[in-house]
N, C-alpha and C. Protein backbone atom coordinates (compact mmCIF):
# COMPACT_ATOMS: atom_id res chain seq x y z
N UNK A 1 0.77 -0.88 0.29
CA UNK A 1 0.18 0.19 -0.34
C UNK A 1 0.76 1.09 0.23
N UNK A 2 1.90 1.13 0.29
CA UNK A 2 2.86 2.09 1.13
C UNK A 2 3.26 2.96 -0.76
N UNK A 3 3.59 1.59 -1.38
CA UNK A 3 4.25 1.80 -2.44
C UNK A 3 3.35 2.10 -3.26
N UNK A 4 2.17 2.30 -3.13
CA UNK A 4 1.03 2.87 -4.23
C UNK A 4 0.95 4.42 -3.69
N UNK A 5 1.12 4.38 -2.68
CA UNK A 5 1.00 6.33 -2.11
C UNK A 5 2.07 6.67 -2.74
N UNK A 6 2.69 6.34 -2.44
CA UNK A 6 3.89 7.01 -2.95
C UNK A 6 4.12 7.51 -4.73
N UNK A 7 3.94 6.32 -5.27
CA UNK A 7 3.44 6.35 -6.60
C UNK A 7 2.19 7.38 -6.91
N UNK A 8 1.21 7.29 -6.52
CA UNK A 8 0.07 8.02 -6.22
C UNK A 8 0.64 9.74 -6.21
N UNK A 9 1.80 9.91 -5.30
CA UNK A 9 2.15 11.57 -5.22
C UNK A 9 3.17 11.72 -6.58
N UNK A 10 3.78 10.37 -7.11
CA UNK A 10 4.62 11.06 -8.31
C UNK A 10 3.78 11.16 -9.76
N UNK A 11 2.98 10.05 -9.61
CA UNK A 11 2.15 9.90 -11.23
C UNK A 11 0.69 10.56 -11.00
N UNK A 12 -0.02 10.75 -9.90
CA UNK A 12 -1.46 11.11 -9.55
C UNK A 12 -2.60 10.01 -9.97
N UNK A 13 -2.64 9.15 -11.07
CA UNK A 13 -3.79 8.19 -10.77
C UNK A 13 -3.38 6.76 -11.07
N UNK A 14 -4.19 6.08 -11.17
CA UNK A 14 -4.23 4.53 -11.33
C UNK A 14 -3.25 4.53 -12.82
N UNK A 15 -4.21 4.99 -13.82
CA UNK A 15 -3.57 4.69 -15.07
C UNK A 15 -2.16 4.97 -15.48
N UNK A 16 -1.36 6.22 -14.83
CA UNK A 16 -0.13 6.45 -14.96
C UNK A 16 0.54 5.33 -13.95
N UNK A 17 0.16 5.37 -12.84
CA UNK A 17 0.63 4.34 -11.99
C UNK A 17 1.13 2.90 -13.04
N UNK A 18 0.01 2.56 -13.32
CA UNK A 18 -0.04 1.09 -14.58
C UNK A 18 1.23 1.48 -15.35
N UNK A 19 1.01 2.62 -16.63
CA UNK A 19 1.80 2.73 -17.39
C UNK A 19 3.50 2.67 -16.71
N UNK A 20 3.69 3.11 -15.66
CA UNK A 20 4.75 3.58 -14.78
C UNK A 20 5.63 1.94 -14.54
N UNK A 21 4.42 1.24 -14.16
CA UNK A 21 5.07 -0.15 -13.65
C UNK A 21 5.12 -0.88 -15.35
N UNK A 22 4.45 -0.78 -16.20
CA UNK A 22 4.53 -1.51 -17.46
C UNK A 22 6.14 -1.05 -18.12
N UNK A 23 6.37 0.06 -18.04
CA UNK A 23 8.02 0.67 -18.36
C UNK A 23 8.87 -0.14 -17.54
N UNK A 24 8.66 0.13 -16.30
CA UNK A 24 9.61 -0.22 -15.62
C UNK A 24 9.98 -1.71 -15.61
N UNK A 25 8.70 -2.37 -15.78
CA UNK A 25 8.95 -4.15 -15.81
C UNK A 25 9.67 -4.60 -17.23
N UNK A 26 9.12 -3.76 -18.31
CA UNK A 26 9.90 -4.11 -19.96
C UNK A 26 11.16 -3.47 -19.98
N UNK A 27 11.59 -2.78 -19.44
CA UNK A 27 13.23 -2.05 -19.52
C UNK A 27 13.90 -3.06 -18.94
N UNK A 28 13.38 -3.51 -18.09
CA UNK A 28 14.57 -4.64 -17.25
C UNK A 28 14.63 -5.94 -18.00
N UNK A 29 15.48 -5.56 -18.90
CA UNK A 29 15.58 -6.77 -19.89
C UNK A 29 17.09 -6.62 -20.24
N UNK A 30 17.90 -8.16 -20.36
CA UNK A 30 19.21 -8.12 -20.98
C UNK A 30 18.98 -8.68 -22.31
N UNK A 31 18.12 -9.67 -22.32
CA UNK A 31 18.03 -10.98 -23.19
C UNK A 31 16.79 -10.59 -23.44
N UNK A 32 16.37 -10.49 -25.24
CA UNK A 32 15.11 -10.38 -25.58
C UNK A 32 14.97 -11.98 -26.34
N UNK A 33 14.24 -12.78 -25.86
CA UNK A 33 14.21 -14.23 -26.48
C UNK A 33 12.79 -13.66 -27.46
N UNK A 34 13.08 -14.24 -28.84
CA UNK A 34 12.28 -14.33 -30.10
C UNK A 34 12.27 -15.85 -30.04
N UNK A 35 10.78 -16.10 -30.18
CA UNK A 35 10.51 -17.54 -30.43
C UNK A 35 9.05 -17.99 -31.32
N UNK A 36 8.69 -19.41 -31.54
CA UNK A 36 7.71 -19.67 -31.87
C UNK A 36 6.99 -20.49 -30.82
N UNK A 37 5.94 -20.13 -30.26
CA UNK A 37 5.42 -21.01 -29.11
C UNK A 37 4.97 -22.18 -28.98
N UNK A 38 4.78 -22.11 -30.58
CA UNK A 38 4.10 -23.71 -30.40
C UNK A 38 4.77 -24.75 -30.99
N UNK A 39 6.49 -23.67 -31.06
CA UNK A 39 7.33 -24.95 -31.52
C UNK A 39 8.50 -25.38 -30.17
N UNK A 40 8.38 -23.95 -29.76
CA UNK A 40 9.56 -24.15 -28.44
C UNK A 40 9.02 -23.35 -26.91
N UNK A 41 7.80 -22.93 -26.87
CA UNK A 41 7.53 -22.64 -25.70
C UNK A 41 7.67 -23.78 -24.51
N UNK A 42 7.19 -24.42 -24.54
CA UNK A 42 7.47 -25.52 -23.63
C UNK A 42 8.32 -26.47 -23.28
N UNK A 43 9.64 -26.15 -24.34
CA UNK A 43 10.93 -26.41 -23.98
C UNK A 43 12.01 -25.56 -24.14
N UNK A 44 12.74 -25.48 -25.11
CA UNK A 44 13.58 -24.39 -25.27
C UNK A 44 13.64 -23.12 -24.80
N UNK A 45 12.61 -22.14 -25.40
CA UNK A 45 12.19 -20.79 -24.32
C UNK A 45 12.44 -21.14 -23.12
N UNK A 46 11.58 -21.84 -22.73
CA UNK A 46 11.22 -21.59 -21.11
C UNK A 46 12.71 -21.89 -20.47
N UNK A 47 13.23 -23.26 -21.33
CA UNK A 47 14.53 -23.67 -20.64
C UNK A 47 15.57 -22.37 -20.19
N UNK A 48 15.53 -21.61 -21.54
CA UNK A 48 16.72 -20.67 -21.65
C UNK A 48 16.37 -19.25 -20.43
N UNK A 49 15.00 -18.89 -20.78
CA UNK A 49 14.50 -17.71 -19.83
C UNK A 49 14.89 -18.31 -18.17
N UNK A 50 14.40 -19.79 -17.96
CA UNK A 50 15.12 -20.11 -16.51
C UNK A 50 16.55 -20.02 -16.04
N UNK A 51 17.36 -20.35 -17.57
CA UNK A 51 18.78 -19.91 -16.87
C UNK A 51 19.22 -19.09 -16.88
N UNK A 52 18.64 -18.12 -17.52
CA UNK A 52 18.91 -16.57 -17.66
C UNK A 52 18.74 -15.86 -16.50
N UNK A 53 17.42 -16.08 -16.06
CA UNK A 53 17.01 -15.58 -14.57
C UNK A 53 17.69 -15.62 -13.93
N UNK A 54 18.13 -16.89 -13.50
CA UNK A 54 18.86 -17.92 -12.51
C UNK A 54 20.41 -17.05 -12.51
N UNK A 55 21.00 -16.76 -13.90
CA UNK A 55 22.40 -15.83 -13.79
C UNK A 55 21.56 -14.18 -13.59
N UNK A 56 20.69 -14.12 -13.41
CA UNK A 56 20.83 -12.33 -13.10
C UNK A 56 20.40 -11.86 -14.46
N UNK A 57 20.65 -12.11 -15.21
CA UNK A 57 20.56 -11.94 -17.10
C UNK A 57 19.13 -11.02 -17.63
N UNK A 58 17.85 -10.93 -16.83
CA UNK A 58 16.72 -10.45 -16.68
C UNK A 58 16.24 -10.56 -18.31
N UNK A 59 15.81 -11.99 -18.59
CA UNK A 59 15.90 -12.25 -19.80
C UNK A 59 14.12 -11.81 -20.09
N UNK A 60 13.54 -11.64 -21.39
CA UNK A 60 12.17 -10.92 -21.63
C UNK A 60 11.90 -12.46 -22.53
N UNK A 61 10.56 -13.02 -21.79
CA UNK A 61 9.95 -13.80 -22.69
C UNK A 61 8.61 -13.81 -22.77
N UNK A 62 7.64 -13.41 -23.62
CA UNK A 62 6.42 -12.98 -24.02
C UNK A 62 5.72 -13.56 -22.64
N UNK A 63 5.63 -14.83 -22.39
CA UNK A 63 4.44 -15.56 -21.56
C UNK A 63 5.00 -15.32 -20.15
N UNK A 64 6.16 -14.98 -19.97
CA UNK A 64 6.77 -15.13 -18.39
C UNK A 64 7.06 -13.80 -17.83
N UNK A 65 6.75 -12.67 -19.01
CA UNK A 65 7.50 -11.33 -18.73
C UNK A 65 6.31 -10.36 -19.15
N UNK A 66 4.64 -10.52 -19.21
CA UNK A 66 3.85 -9.92 -19.42
C UNK A 66 2.81 -10.59 -18.61
N UNK A 67 1.56 -9.46 -18.23
CA UNK A 67 0.65 -9.92 -17.79
C UNK A 67 -0.65 -9.86 -18.39
N UNK A 68 -1.94 -10.42 -17.86
CA UNK A 68 -2.94 -9.92 -18.41
C UNK A 68 -3.35 -8.70 -18.66
N UNK A 69 -4.04 -7.91 -19.91
CA UNK A 69 -4.35 -6.87 -19.84
C UNK A 69 -2.96 -5.80 -20.38
N UNK A 70 -1.73 -6.13 -20.33
CA UNK A 70 -0.51 -5.42 -21.04
C UNK A 70 -0.74 -5.38 -22.51
N UNK A 71 -0.31 -4.01 -22.48
CA UNK A 71 0.03 -3.86 -24.16
C UNK A 71 1.06 -4.68 -24.85
N UNK A 72 0.13 -5.45 -25.61
CA UNK A 72 1.65 -6.50 -26.25
C UNK A 72 2.73 -5.69 -27.14
N UNK A 73 2.38 -4.99 -28.34
CA UNK A 73 3.13 -4.42 -28.69
C UNK A 73 3.99 -3.18 -28.08
N UNK A 74 3.57 -2.25 -26.87
CA UNK A 74 3.82 -1.61 -26.67
C UNK A 74 5.34 -2.04 -25.50
N UNK A 75 4.95 -3.40 -24.75
CA UNK A 75 5.83 -4.12 -24.10
C UNK A 75 6.99 -4.49 -24.97
N UNK A 76 6.72 -5.30 -26.19
CA UNK A 76 7.69 -5.99 -26.68
C UNK A 76 8.53 -5.06 -27.22
N UNK A 77 8.08 -3.82 -28.11
CA UNK A 77 8.81 -3.07 -28.47
C UNK A 77 9.85 -2.22 -27.61
N UNK A 78 9.64 -1.98 -26.18
CA UNK A 78 9.77 -1.37 -25.24
C UNK A 78 11.21 -2.29 -25.18
N UNK A 79 11.07 -3.60 -24.85
CA UNK A 79 11.61 -4.93 -24.21
C UNK A 79 12.70 -4.81 -25.78
N UNK A 80 12.40 -4.70 -26.63
CA UNK A 80 13.57 -4.72 -27.53
C UNK A 80 14.41 -3.35 -27.74
N UNK A 81 13.64 -2.40 -27.96
CA UNK A 81 14.69 -0.88 -27.86
C UNK A 81 15.65 -0.96 -26.25
N UNK A 82 15.24 -1.78 -25.32
CA UNK A 82 16.27 -1.32 -24.41
C UNK A 82 17.29 -2.92 -24.15
N UNK A 83 16.56 -4.08 -24.78
CA UNK A 83 17.56 -4.74 -24.78
C UNK A 83 19.24 -4.67 -25.29
N UNK A 84 20.22 -5.83 -24.53
CA UNK A 84 21.12 -5.69 -25.32
C UNK A 84 21.74 -7.00 -26.29
N UNK A 85 20.68 -7.89 -26.14
CA UNK A 85 20.91 -8.74 -26.85
C UNK A 85 19.50 -9.72 -27.44
N UNK A 86 19.83 -9.92 -28.74
CA UNK A 86 18.38 -10.38 -29.12
C UNK A 86 18.26 -12.36 -29.25
N UNK A 87 17.87 -13.02 -28.79
CA UNK A 87 18.04 -14.18 -28.98
C UNK A 87 16.89 -15.00 -30.13
N UNK A 88 17.13 -15.50 -30.67
CA UNK A 88 16.33 -15.69 -31.95
C UNK A 88 16.06 -17.24 -32.05
N UNK A 89 14.97 -17.94 -31.65
CA UNK A 89 14.88 -19.17 -31.67
C UNK A 89 14.23 -19.46 -33.31
N UNK A 90 14.61 -20.25 -34.33
CA UNK A 90 14.76 -20.10 -35.68
C UNK A 90 13.75 -22.06 -35.28
N UNK A 91 12.61 -21.69 -35.63
CA UNK A 91 11.93 -23.54 -35.70
C UNK A 91 11.29 -23.67 -36.82
N UNK A 92 10.42 -24.69 -37.39
CA UNK A 92 10.01 -25.02 -37.93
C UNK A 92 8.99 -24.19 -38.56
N UNK A 93 8.18 -23.48 -37.88
CA UNK A 93 6.97 -22.99 -37.80
C UNK A 93 7.47 -21.69 -37.79
N UNK A 94 8.35 -20.92 -37.41
CA UNK A 94 8.81 -19.66 -36.95
C UNK A 94 8.18 -18.86 -38.18
N UNK A 95 8.48 -18.64 -39.40
CA UNK A 95 8.50 -17.85 -40.64
C UNK A 95 6.46 -17.77 -40.47
N UNK A 96 6.32 -18.32 -40.24
CA UNK A 96 4.27 -18.12 -40.33
C UNK A 96 3.87 -17.49 -39.37
N UNK A 97 5.00 -17.18 -38.05
CA UNK A 97 4.42 -16.22 -37.31
C UNK A 97 4.54 -14.62 -37.68
N UNK A 98 3.84 -13.85 -37.49
CA UNK A 98 3.60 -12.19 -37.78
C UNK A 98 4.36 -11.77 -36.63
N UNK A 99 4.38 -12.00 -35.29
CA UNK A 99 4.90 -11.85 -34.23
C UNK A 99 6.31 -12.11 -34.23
N UNK A 100 6.82 -13.18 -34.53
CA UNK A 100 8.13 -13.58 -34.20
C UNK A 100 9.14 -12.67 -35.86
N UNK A 101 8.17 -12.28 -36.79
CA UNK A 101 8.67 -11.65 -38.04
C UNK A 101 8.79 -10.11 -37.34
N UNK A 102 8.11 -9.99 -36.82
CA UNK A 102 7.87 -8.23 -36.52
C UNK A 102 9.05 -8.23 -35.29
N UNK A 103 9.08 -9.11 -34.28
CA UNK A 103 10.21 -8.67 -33.77
C UNK A 103 11.18 -8.73 -34.18
N UNK A 104 11.62 -9.65 -35.16
CA UNK A 104 12.95 -10.13 -35.38
C UNK A 104 13.11 -8.65 -36.14
N UNK A 105 12.34 -8.28 -37.26
CA UNK A 105 12.64 -6.96 -37.87
C UNK A 105 12.92 -5.73 -37.01
N UNK A 106 12.26 -5.41 -35.65
CA UNK A 106 12.57 -4.47 -34.76
C UNK A 106 13.89 -4.90 -34.31
N UNK A 107 14.58 -6.03 -33.92
CA UNK A 107 15.89 -5.88 -33.26
C UNK A 107 16.79 -5.54 -34.96
N UNK A 108 16.30 -6.11 -35.66
CA UNK A 108 17.16 -5.66 -37.19
C UNK A 108 17.48 -3.84 -36.72
N UNK A 109 16.04 -3.37 -36.99
CA UNK A 109 16.45 -1.93 -36.95
C UNK A 109 16.55 -0.92 -35.90
N UNK A 110 16.85 -1.85 -34.80
CA UNK A 110 17.02 -1.08 -33.46
C UNK A 110 19.03 -1.60 -33.42
N UNK A 111 19.38 -2.28 -34.19
CA UNK A 111 20.55 -2.81 -34.45
C UNK A 111 21.23 -3.34 -33.21
N UNK A 112 20.04 -4.45 -32.91
CA UNK A 112 20.29 -5.42 -31.73
C UNK A 112 21.40 -6.55 -31.87
N UNK A 113 22.31 -6.87 -31.21
CA UNK A 113 22.90 -8.19 -31.43
C UNK A 113 22.32 -9.14 -31.42
N UNK A 114 22.22 -10.06 -32.52
CA UNK A 114 21.03 -11.17 -32.51
C UNK A 114 22.13 -12.74 -32.71
N UNK A 115 21.73 -13.17 -31.91
CA UNK A 115 22.05 -14.99 -31.48
C UNK A 115 21.00 -15.89 -32.27
N UNK A 116 21.13 -16.33 -33.45
CA UNK A 116 20.30 -17.23 -33.69
C UNK A 116 20.74 -18.71 -32.94
N UNK A 117 19.34 -19.44 -32.92
CA UNK A 117 19.59 -20.87 -32.36
C UNK A 117 18.74 -21.36 -33.35
N UNK A 118 19.10 -22.58 -34.15
CA UNK A 118 18.49 -22.89 -35.48
C UNK A 118 17.79 -24.55 -34.69
N UNK A 119 16.61 -23.96 -34.21
CA UNK A 119 15.84 -25.20 -33.82
C UNK A 119 14.97 -26.41 -34.48
N UNK A 120 15.61 -27.70 -34.84
CA UNK A 120 15.39 -28.22 -35.93
C UNK A 120 15.08 -28.01 -37.15
N UNK A 121 16.15 -26.88 -37.90
CA UNK A 121 15.69 -26.15 -39.17
C UNK A 121 17.10 -25.56 -39.09
N UNK A 122 17.53 -25.56 -40.58
CA UNK A 122 18.41 -25.17 -40.95
C UNK A 122 18.53 -23.67 -41.29
N UNK A 123 19.50 -22.99 -41.86
CA UNK A 123 18.90 -21.78 -42.04
C UNK A 123 18.51 -21.57 -43.60
N UNK A 124 19.17 -22.33 -44.25
CA UNK A 124 18.40 -22.25 -45.50
C UNK A 124 17.04 -23.13 -45.74
N UNK A 125 16.60 -23.31 -44.59
CA UNK A 125 15.28 -23.68 -45.05
C UNK A 125 13.92 -22.59 -44.15
N UNK A 126 14.93 -21.41 -43.80
CA UNK A 126 13.76 -20.64 -43.80
C UNK A 126 13.68 -19.29 -44.56
N UNK A 127 12.07 -19.55 -44.89
CA UNK A 127 11.90 -19.04 -46.18
C UNK A 127 10.51 -18.18 -45.91
N UNK A 128 10.06 -16.71 -45.79
CA UNK A 128 9.26 -16.28 -46.11
C UNK A 128 7.99 -16.37 -47.02
N UNK A 129 7.00 -17.54 -47.09
CA UNK A 129 6.10 -17.16 -48.08
C UNK A 129 5.25 -16.64 -47.40
N UNK A 130 4.91 -15.94 -48.43
CA UNK A 130 3.70 -14.89 -48.50
C UNK A 130 2.42 -14.82 -49.58
N UNK A 131 1.57 -15.72 -48.91
CA UNK A 131 -0.01 -16.09 -49.45
C UNK A 131 -0.80 -14.21 -49.41
N UNK A 132 0.18 -13.26 -49.37
CA UNK A 132 -1.08 -11.92 -49.88
C UNK A 132 -1.18 -11.30 -48.25
N UNK A 133 -0.98 -11.76 -47.30
CA UNK A 133 -1.14 -11.78 -45.56
C UNK A 133 -0.62 -10.23 -45.51
N UNK A 134 1.06 -9.96 -45.65
CA UNK A 134 1.32 -8.84 -45.48
C UNK A 134 1.28 -7.81 -46.54
N UNK A 135 1.62 -6.98 -46.02
CA UNK A 135 1.63 -5.27 -46.85
C UNK A 135 3.01 -5.97 -47.53
N UNK A 136 2.79 -5.19 -48.62
CA UNK A 136 4.49 -4.70 -49.61
C UNK A 136 5.69 -4.41 -48.23
N UNK A 137 5.43 -3.37 -47.81
CA UNK A 137 6.44 -2.88 -46.77
C UNK A 137 6.86 -3.68 -46.10
N UNK A 138 6.05 -4.47 -45.28
CA UNK A 138 6.28 -5.30 -44.14
C UNK A 138 6.57 -6.54 -44.84
N UNK A 139 6.28 -7.02 -45.90
CA UNK A 139 7.10 -8.14 -46.74
C UNK A 139 8.44 -7.51 -46.72
N UNK A 140 8.72 -7.20 -46.92
CA UNK A 140 10.14 -6.33 -47.10
C UNK A 140 10.85 -6.04 -45.87
N UNK A 141 10.66 -5.65 -45.01
CA UNK A 141 11.06 -5.65 -43.54
C UNK A 141 11.70 -7.08 -43.05
N UNK A 142 10.46 -7.71 -43.02
CA UNK A 142 10.44 -9.62 -42.59
C UNK A 142 11.76 -9.89 -43.26
N UNK A 143 11.71 -10.18 -44.77
CA UNK A 143 12.40 -10.75 -45.99
C UNK A 143 14.04 -9.83 -45.16
N UNK A 144 14.28 -9.08 -45.38
CA UNK A 144 15.69 -7.96 -45.13
C UNK A 144 15.98 -8.92 -43.54
N UNK A 145 15.03 -8.69 -42.61
CA UNK A 145 15.27 -8.94 -41.31
C UNK A 145 15.80 -10.50 -41.19
N UNK A 146 14.73 -11.48 -41.86
CA UNK A 146 15.38 -12.94 -42.10
C UNK A 146 16.93 -13.40 -42.78
N UNK A 147 16.84 -12.39 -43.46
CA UNK A 147 17.93 -12.89 -44.12
C UNK A 147 19.19 -12.29 -43.74
N UNK A 148 19.57 -11.44 -43.06
CA UNK A 148 20.66 -10.45 -42.22
C UNK A 148 20.58 -11.66 -40.87
N UNK A 149 19.75 -12.12 -40.67
CA UNK A 149 19.54 -12.96 -39.27
C UNK A 149 20.36 -14.40 -39.48
N UNK A 150 20.14 -14.62 -40.90
CA UNK A 150 20.55 -16.10 -41.10
C UNK A 150 22.00 -15.98 -41.41
N UNK A 151 22.52 -15.19 -41.37
CA UNK A 151 23.71 -14.49 -42.17
C UNK A 151 24.83 -14.58 -40.81
N UNK A 152 24.18 -14.68 -39.82
CA UNK A 152 25.16 -14.36 -38.33
C UNK A 152 24.93 -16.07 -37.92
N UNK A 153 26.95 -16.44 -37.15
CA UNK A 153 26.99 -17.35 -36.71
C UNK A 153 25.80 -17.95 -35.57
N UNK A 154 25.27 -18.76 -35.33
CA UNK A 154 24.64 -19.75 -34.62
C UNK A 154 25.04 -20.47 -34.05
N UNK A 155 23.93 -21.52 -33.00
CA UNK A 155 23.96 -22.41 -32.95
C UNK A 155 22.84 -23.35 -33.15
N UNK A 156 23.21 -24.62 -33.77
CA UNK A 156 22.40 -25.43 -34.21
C UNK A 156 21.61 -26.40 -33.35
N UNK A 157 20.45 -26.71 -33.03
CA UNK A 157 19.90 -27.36 -32.49
C UNK A 157 19.06 -28.61 -32.44
N UNK A 158 19.12 -29.78 -32.50
CA UNK A 158 18.21 -30.89 -33.27
C UNK A 158 17.40 -31.78 -31.79
N UNK A 159 16.65 -31.22 -31.53
CA UNK A 159 15.59 -31.64 -30.65
C UNK A 159 15.43 -32.96 -30.77
N UNK A 160 15.96 -34.12 -31.70
CA UNK A 160 15.67 -35.39 -31.22
C UNK A 160 17.34 -36.19 -30.67
N UNK A 161 18.02 -35.52 -30.60
CA UNK A 161 19.34 -35.58 -29.86
C UNK A 161 19.48 -35.05 -28.74
N UNK A 162 19.13 -33.78 -28.66
CA UNK A 162 19.23 -32.70 -27.37
C UNK A 162 20.93 -32.30 -27.96
């Protein structure tokens, strides 16, 4: 309650307090973990998050770092803008995700160091196929970011043999 009262004095209302907490939580990010949830949420992404948290590296992983009601785009963009490193887990369904591609493009545009993990894929497997679902400008952003990330030295990971 004392924290709420002191924040009230600083910010004046509940909405401003909530905004402060969102900003504060999103900015505590050293490593942004970009991943396709259906492929990696319950295994490598969660394991990396837990390990980085144990090492006090302040990771950002969507389902661990955000709360119900948080503004997804604002929190993610803030975390990417303020992070030191982007860890990109490329997986079989990665290129079909708008969110993954958007986050990768943001990391590229903010000139973040990107470390790729090729989870059950080779870099040559990562191709952006558009069935007309993305505007031309977005498609160009995503393709450029994908090509730049594929050129980086990364870590291969085969889930069948660990």
